[in-house]
Amino acid sequence: MLAQTMLPRRVALAPRHATTPELAAVAALISEEESAVSDAPLFRPEAVGALLLGLLLSPKEPKEERH
């Protein structure tokens, strides 16, 4: 009920100008290259052959005996 009776107020902030060091800090953050977040493996086409060979050489599951 209280929220319905209150009117929203606008807050007026005085304009502020950035100083030269602040502008330089923002420019440095914007122009900085992104760093690698993870060391995820990259795609290597030559690894596909090794994966297929491993699948072919892996032992098969034993079959259940029928009665």
PDB file of N, CA and C in Angstrom:
ATOM      1  N   MET A   1       0.814  -1.178   0.000  1.00  0.00           N
ATOM      2  CA  MET A   1       0.000   0.000   0.000  1.00  0.00           C
ATOM      3  C   MET A   1       0.862   1.247   0.000  1.00  0.00           C
ATOM      4  N   LEU A   2       1.952   1.199   0.745  1.00  0.00           N
ATOM      5  CA  LEU A   2       2.844   2.344   0.823  1.00  0.00           C
ATOM      6  C   LEU A   2       3.507   2.615  -0.516  1.00  0.00           C
ATOM      7  N   ALA A   3       3.850   1.555  -1.255  1.00  0.00           N
ATOM      8  CA  ALA A   3       4.509   1.722  -2.548  1.00  0.00           C
ATOM      9  C   ALA A   3       3.583   2.393  -3.553  1.00  0.00           C
ATOM     10  N   GLN A   4       2.302   2.218  -3.404  1.00  0.00           N
ATOM     11  CA  GLN A   4       1.359   2.824  -4.332  1.00  0.00           C
ATOM     12  C   GLN A   4       1.206   4.313  -4.083  1.00  0.00           C
ATOM     13  N   THR A   5       1.427   4.758  -2.877  1.00  0.00           N
ATOM     14  CA  THR A   5       1.215   6.172  -2.555  1.00  0.00           C
ATOM     15  C   THR A   5       2.458   7.015  -2.785  1.00  0.00           C
ATOM     16  N   MET A   6       3.634   6.391  -2.867  1.00  0.00           N
ATOM     17  CA  MET A   6       4.864   7.162  -3.060  1.00  0.00           C
ATOM     18  C   MET A   6       5.074   7.464  -4.533  1.00  0.00           C
ATOM     19  N   LEU A   7       5.465   8.651  -4.848  1.00  0.00           N
ATOM     20  CA  LEU A   7       5.748   9.040  -6.224  1.00  0.00           C
ATOM     21  C   LEU A   7       7.244   8.891  -6.489  1.00  0.00           C
ATOM     22  N   PRO A   8       7.609   8.418  -7.682  1.00  0.00           N
ATOM     23  CA  PRO A   8       9.041   8.294  -7.980  1.00  0.00           C
ATOM     24  C   PRO A   8       9.682   9.673  -8.086  1.00  0.00           C
ATOM     25  N   ARG A   9      10.889   9.786  -7.550  1.00  0.00           N
ATOM     26  CA  ARG A   9      11.613  11.060  -7.604  1.00  0.00           C
ATOM     27  C   ARG A   9      12.782  10.938  -8.565  1.00  0.00           C
ATOM     28  N   ARG A  10      13.082  11.988  -9.245  1.00  0.00           N
ATOM     29  CA  ARG A  10      14.234  12.018 -10.137  1.00  0.00           C
ATOM     30  C   ARG A  10      15.398  12.654  -9.398  1.00  0.00           C
ATOM     31  N   VAL A  11      16.545  12.011  -9.519  1.00  0.00           N
ATOM     32  CA  VAL A  11      17.739  12.530  -8.870  1.00  0.00           C
ATOM     33  C   VAL A  11      18.537  13.287  -9.918  1.00  0.00           C
ATOM     34  N   ALA A  12      18.836  14.521  -9.652  1.00  0.00           N
ATOM     35  CA  ALA A  12      19.606  15.335 -10.588  1.00  0.00           C
ATOM     36  C   ALA A  12      21.059  15.366 -10.137  1.00  0.00           C
ATOM     37  N   LEU A  13      21.948  14.883 -11.017  1.00  0.00           N
ATOM     38  CA  LEU A  13      23.374  14.912 -10.719  1.00  0.00           C
ATOM     39  C   LEU A  13      24.023  16.054 -11.475  1.00  0.00           C
ATOM     40  N   ALA A  14      24.963  16.692 -10.829  1.00  0.00           N
ATOM     41  CA  ALA A  14      25.688  17.773 -11.485  1.00  0.00           C
ATOM     42  C   ALA A  14      26.597  17.180 -12.553  1.00  0.00           C
ATOM     43  N   PRO A  15      26.703  17.819 -13.716  1.00  0.00           N
ATOM     44  CA  PRO A  15      27.589  17.297 -14.761  1.00  0.00           C
ATOM     45  C   PRO A  15      29.039  17.293 -14.289  1.00  0.00           C
ATOM     46  N   ARG A  16      29.765  16.259 -14.662  1.00  0.00           N
ATOM     47  CA  ARG A  16      31.158  16.126 -14.239  1.00  0.00           C
ATOM     48  C   ARG A  16      31.993  15.842 -15.472  1.00  0.00           C
ATOM     49  N   HIS A  17      33.125  16.485 -15.570  1.00  0.00           N
ATOM     50  CA  HIS A  17      34.029  16.284 -16.693  1.00  0.00           C
ATOM     51  C   HIS A  17      35.208  15.437 -16.235  1.00  0.00           C
ATOM     52  N   ALA A  18      35.612  14.506 -17.084  1.00  0.00           N
ATOM     53  CA  ALA A  18      36.721  13.615 -16.756  1.00  0.00           C
ATOM     54  C   ALA A  18      38.044  14.359 -16.875  1.00  0.00           C
ATOM     55  N   THR A  19      38.954  14.006 -15.979  1.00  0.00           N
ATOM     56  CA  THR A  19      40.284  14.605 -16.023  1.00  0.00           C
ATOM     57  C   THR A  19      41.139  13.846 -17.030  1.00  0.00           C
ATOM     58  N   THR A  20      42.279  14.405 -17.350  1.00  0.00           N
ATOM     59  CA  THR A  20      43.182  13.767 -18.315  1.00  0.00           C
ATOM     60  C   THR A  20      43.640  12.381 -17.857  1.00  0.00           C
ATOM     61  N   PRO A  21      44.037  12.174 -16.594  1.00  0.00           N
ATOM     62  CA  PRO A  21      44.400  10.812 -16.181  1.00  0.00           C
ATOM     63  C   PRO A  21      43.237   9.821 -16.265  1.00  0.00           C
ATOM     64  N   GLU A  22      42.022  10.294 -15.976  1.00  0.00           N
ATOM     65  CA  GLU A  22      40.866   9.414 -16.084  1.00  0.00           C
ATOM     66  C   GLU A  22      40.599   9.024 -17.537  1.00  0.00           C
ATOM     67  N   LEU A  23      40.717   9.978 -18.441  1.00  0.00           N
ATOM     68  CA  LEU A  23      40.544   9.682 -19.857  1.00  0.00           C
ATOM     69  C   LEU A  23      41.613   8.713 -20.352  1.00  0.00           C
ATOM     70  N   ALA A  24      42.840   8.870 -19.889  1.00  0.00           N
ATOM     71  CA  ALA A  24      43.926   7.975 -20.286  1.00  0.00           C
ATOM     72  C   ALA A  24      43.673   6.562 -19.758  1.00  0.00           C
ATOM     73  N   ALA A  25      43.158   6.450 -18.539  1.00  0.00           N
ATOM     74  CA  ALA A  25      42.868   5.132 -17.968  1.00  0.00           C
ATOM     75  C   ALA A  25      41.762   4.436 -18.749  1.00  0.00           C
ATOM     76  N   VAL A  26      40.732   5.166 -19.124  1.00  0.00           N
ATOM     77  CA  VAL A  26      39.642   4.577 -19.904  1.00  0.00           C
ATOM     78  C   VAL A  26      40.139   4.165 -21.282  1.00  0.00           C
ATOM     79  N   ALA A  27      40.949   5.003 -21.914  1.00  0.00           N
ATOM     80  CA  ALA A  27      41.491   4.670 -23.235  1.00  0.00           C
ATOM     81  C   ALA A  27      42.375   3.428 -23.164  1.00  0.00           C
ATOM     82  N   ALA A  28      43.148   3.285 -22.090  1.00  0.00           N
ATOM     83  CA  ALA A  28      44.004   2.107 -21.940  1.00  0.00           C
ATOM     84  C   ALA A  28      43.167   0.850 -21.752  1.00  0.00           C
ATOM     85  N   LEU A  29      42.069   0.949 -21.008  1.00  0.00           N
ATOM     86  CA  LEU A  29      41.200  -0.214 -20.809  1.00  0.00           C
ATOM     87  C   LEU A  29      40.490  -0.615 -22.094  1.00  0.00           C
ATOM     88  N   ILE A  30      40.096   0.360 -22.881  1.00  0.00           N
ATOM     89  CA  ILE A  30      39.378   0.071 -24.119  1.00  0.00           C
ATOM     90  C   ILE A  30      40.310  -0.543 -25.158  1.00  0.00           C
ATOM     91  N   SER A  31      41.533  -0.059 -25.247  1.00  0.00           N
ATOM     92  CA  SER A  31      42.439  -0.521 -26.298  1.00  0.00           C
ATOM     93  C   SER A  31      43.231  -1.764 -25.911  1.00  0.00           C
ATOM     94  N   GLU A  32      43.117  -2.232 -24.669  1.00  0.00           N
ATOM     95  CA  GLU A  32      43.866  -3.397 -24.219  1.00  0.00           C
ATOM     96  C   GLU A  32      43.320  -4.670 -24.855  1.00  0.00           C
ATOM     97  N   GLU A  33      44.213  -5.553 -25.308  1.00  0.00           N
ATOM     98  CA  GLU A  33      43.815  -6.817 -25.893  1.00  0.00           C
ATOM     99  C   GLU A  33      43.245  -7.737 -24.818  1.00  0.00           C
ATOM    100  N   GLU A  34      42.336  -8.603 -25.228  1.00  0.00           N
ATOM    101  CA  GLU A  34      41.768  -9.553 -24.280  1.00  0.00           C
ATOM    102  C   GLU A  34      42.777 -10.657 -23.988  1.00  0.00           C
ATOM    103  N   SER A  35      42.813 -11.059 -22.753  1.00  0.00           N
ATOM    104  CA  SER A  35      43.712 -12.147 -22.380  1.00  0.00           C
ATOM    105  C   SER A  35      42.966 -13.472 -22.475  1.00  0.00           C
ATOM    106  N   ALA A  36      43.725 -14.542 -22.613  1.00  0.00           N
ATOM    107  CA  ALA A  36      43.120 -15.869 -22.696  1.00  0.00           C
ATOM    108  C   ALA A  36      42.548 -16.243 -21.333  1.00  0.00           C
ATOM    109  N   VAL A  37      41.295 -16.637 -21.300  1.00  0.00           N
ATOM    110  CA  VAL A  37      40.651 -16.988 -20.051  1.00  0.00           C
ATOM    111  C   VAL A  37      40.894 -18.461 -19.724  1.00  0.00           C
ATOM    112  N   SER A  38      40.881 -19.293 -20.751  1.00  0.00           N
ATOM    113  CA  SER A  38      41.080 -20.716 -20.514  1.00  0.00           C
ATOM    114  C   SER A  38      42.137 -21.245 -21.470  1.00  0.00           C
ATOM    115  N   ASP A  39      42.652 -22.388 -21.131  1.00  0.00           N
ATOM    116  CA  ASP A  39      43.603 -23.058 -22.003  1.00  0.00           C
ATOM    117  C   ASP A  39      42.907 -24.216 -22.693  1.00  0.00           C
ATOM    118  N   ALA A  40      41.778 -23.939 -23.304  1.00  0.00           N
ATOM    119  CA  ALA A  40      41.035 -24.984 -23.987  1.00  0.00           C
ATOM    120  C   ALA A  40      41.841 -25.500 -25.168  1.00  0.00           C
ATOM    121  N   PRO A  41      41.785 -26.794 -25.429  1.00  0.00           N
ATOM    122  CA  PRO A  41      42.547 -27.339 -26.559  1.00  0.00           C
ATOM    123  C   PRO A  41      42.013 -26.816 -27.886  1.00  0.00           C
ATOM    124  N   LEU A  42      42.896 -26.565 -28.797  1.00  0.00           N
ATOM    125  CA  LEU A  42      42.515 -26.086 -30.115  1.00  0.00           C
ATOM    126  C   LEU A  42      42.240 -27.266 -31.030  1.00  0.00           C
ATOM    127  N   PHE A  43      41.459 -27.040 -32.060  1.00  0.00           N
ATOM    128  CA  PHE A  43      41.151 -28.092 -33.020  1.00  0.00           C
ATOM    129  C   PHE A  43      42.393 -28.420 -33.825  1.00  0.00           C
ATOM    130  N   ARG A  44      42.723 -29.690 -33.878  1.00  0.00           N
ATOM    131  CA  ARG A  44      43.874 -30.145 -34.659  1.00  0.00           C
ATOM    132  C   ARG A  44      43.405 -31.259 -35.578  1.00  0.00           C
ATOM    133  N   PRO A  45      43.354 -31.023 -36.881  1.00  0.00           N
ATOM    134  CA  PRO A  45      42.852 -32.042 -37.803  1.00  0.00           C
ATOM    135  C   PRO A  45      43.683 -33.317 -37.789  1.00  0.00           C
ATOM    136  N   GLU A  46      44.986 -33.224 -37.513  1.00  0.00           N
ATOM    137  CA  GLU A  46      45.825 -34.423 -37.519  1.00  0.00           C
ATOM    138  C   GLU A  46      45.507 -35.349 -36.345  1.00  0.00           C
ATOM    139  N   ALA A  47      44.825 -34.847 -35.328  1.00  0.00           N
ATOM    140  CA  ALA A  47      44.484 -35.674 -34.172  1.00  0.00           C
ATOM    141  C   ALA A  47      43.289 -36.579 -34.452  1.00  0.00           C
ATOM    142  N   VAL A  48      42.545 -36.320 -35.518  1.00  0.00           N
ATOM    143  CA  VAL A  48      41.368 -37.129 -35.830  1.00  0.00           C
ATOM    144  C   VAL A  48      41.786 -38.558 -36.157  1.00  0.00           C
ATOM    145  N   GLY A  49      42.879 -38.741 -36.880  1.00  0.00           N
ATOM    146  CA  GLY A  49      43.356 -40.079 -37.216  1.00  0.00           C
ATOM    147  C   GLY A  49      43.714 -40.875 -35.983  1.00  0.00           C
ATOM    148  N   ALA A  50      44.364 -40.244 -35.029  1.00  0.00           N
ATOM    149  CA  ALA A  50      44.733 -40.939 -33.796  1.00  0.00           C
ATOM    150  C   ALA A  50      43.490 -41.326 -33.005  1.00  0.00           C
ATOM    151  N   LEU A  51      42.474 -40.488 -33.015  1.00  0.00           N
ATOM    152  CA  LEU A  51      41.237 -40.801 -32.314  1.00  0.00           C
ATOM    153  C   LEU A  51      40.538 -41.996 -32.950  1.00  0.00           C
ATOM    154  N   LEU A  52      40.485 -42.021 -34.277  1.00  0.00           N
ATOM    155  CA  LEU A  52      39.860 -43.153 -34.962  1.00  0.00           C
ATOM    156  C   LEU A  52      40.639 -44.437 -34.732  1.00  0.00           C
ATOM    157  N   LEU A  53      41.944 -44.375 -34.747  1.00  0.00           N
ATOM    158  CA  LEU A  53      42.767 -45.547 -34.488  1.00  0.00           C
ATOM    159  C   LEU A  53      42.508 -46.072 -33.074  1.00  0.00           C
ATOM    160  N   GLY A  54      42.395 -45.184 -32.108  1.00  0.00           N
ATOM    161  CA  GLY A  54      42.103 -45.586 -30.733  1.00  0.00           C
ATOM    162  C   GLY A  54      40.749 -46.266 -30.622  1.00  0.00           C
ATOM    163  N   LEU A  55      39.769 -45.780 -31.372  1.00  0.00           N
ATOM    164  CA  LEU A  55      38.444 -46.421 -31.346  1.00  0.00           C
ATOM    165  C   LEU A  55      38.484 -47.811 -31.975  1.00  0.00           C
ATOM    166  N   LEU A  56      39.253 -47.975 -33.036  1.00  0.00           N
ATOM    167  CA  LEU A  56      39.336 -49.273 -33.698  1.00  0.00           C
ATOM    168  C   LEU A  56      40.068 -50.299 -32.841  1.00  0.00           C
ATOM    169  N   LEU A  57      41.059 -49.864 -32.093  1.00  0.00           N
ATOM    170  CA  LEU A  57      41.861 -50.781 -31.298  1.00  0.00           C
ATOM    171  C   LEU A  57      41.298 -51.033 -29.899  1.00  0.00           C
ATOM    172  N   SER A  58      40.276 -50.298 -29.517  1.00  0.00           N
ATOM    173  CA  SER A  58      39.732 -50.459 -28.169  1.00  0.00           C
ATOM    174  C   SER A  58      38.983 -51.789 -28.069  1.00  0.00           C
ATOM    175  N   PRO A  59      39.020 -52.437 -26.905  1.00  0.00           N
ATOM    176  CA  PRO A  59      38.330 -53.731 -26.758  1.00  0.00           C
ATOM    177  C   PRO A  59      36.821 -53.554 -26.841  1.00  0.00           C
ATOM    178  N   LYS A  60      36.179 -54.571 -27.407  1.00  0.00           N
ATOM    179  CA  LYS A  60      34.719 -54.525 -27.541  1.00  0.00           C
ATOM    180  C   LYS A  60      34.074 -55.019 -26.253  1.00  0.00           C
ATOM    181  N   GLU A  61      32.833 -54.628 -26.053  1.00  0.00           N
ATOM    182  CA  GLU A  61      32.101 -55.064 -24.874  1.00  0.00           C
ATOM    183  C   GLU A  61      31.744 -56.544 -25.016  1.00  0.00           C
ATOM    184  N   PRO A  62      31.797 -57.305 -23.922  1.00  0.00           N
ATOM    185  CA  PRO A  62      31.420 -58.723 -24.010  1.00  0.00           C
ATOM    186  C   PRO A  62      29.922 -58.876 -24.286  1.00  0.00           C
ATOM    187  N   LYS A  63      29.601 -59.871 -25.106  1.00  0.00           N
ATOM    188  CA  LYS A  63      28.200 -60.111 -25.441  1.00  0.00           C
ATOM    189  C   LYS A  63      27.592 -61.047 -24.383  1.00  0.00           C
ATOM    190  N   GLU A  64      26.317 -60.858 -24.127  1.00  0.00           N
ATOM    191  CA  GLU A  64      25.623 -61.710 -23.170  1.00  0.00           C
ATOM    192  C   GLU A  64      25.313 -63.055 -23.819  1.00  0.00           C
ATOM    193  N   GLU A  65      25.417 -64.104 -23.044  1.00  0.00           N
ATOM    194  CA  GLU A  65      25.132 -65.441 -23.538  1.00  0.00           C
ATOM    195  C   GLU A  65      23.619 -65.646 -23.630  1.00  0.00           C
ATOM    196  N   ARG A  66      23.194 -66.308 -24.696  1.00  0.00           N
ATOM    197  CA  ARG A  66      21.765 -66.590 -24.854  1.00  0.00           C
ATOM    198  C   ARG A  66      21.468 -68.002 -24.373  1.00  0.00           C
ATOM    199  N   HIS A  67      20.371 -68.190 -23.702  1.00  0.00           N
ATOM    200  CA  HIS A  67      19.997 -69.523 -23.198  1.00  0.00           C
ATOM    201  C   HIS A  67      18.806 -70.025 -23.914  1.00  0.00           C
TER     202      HIS A  67
END
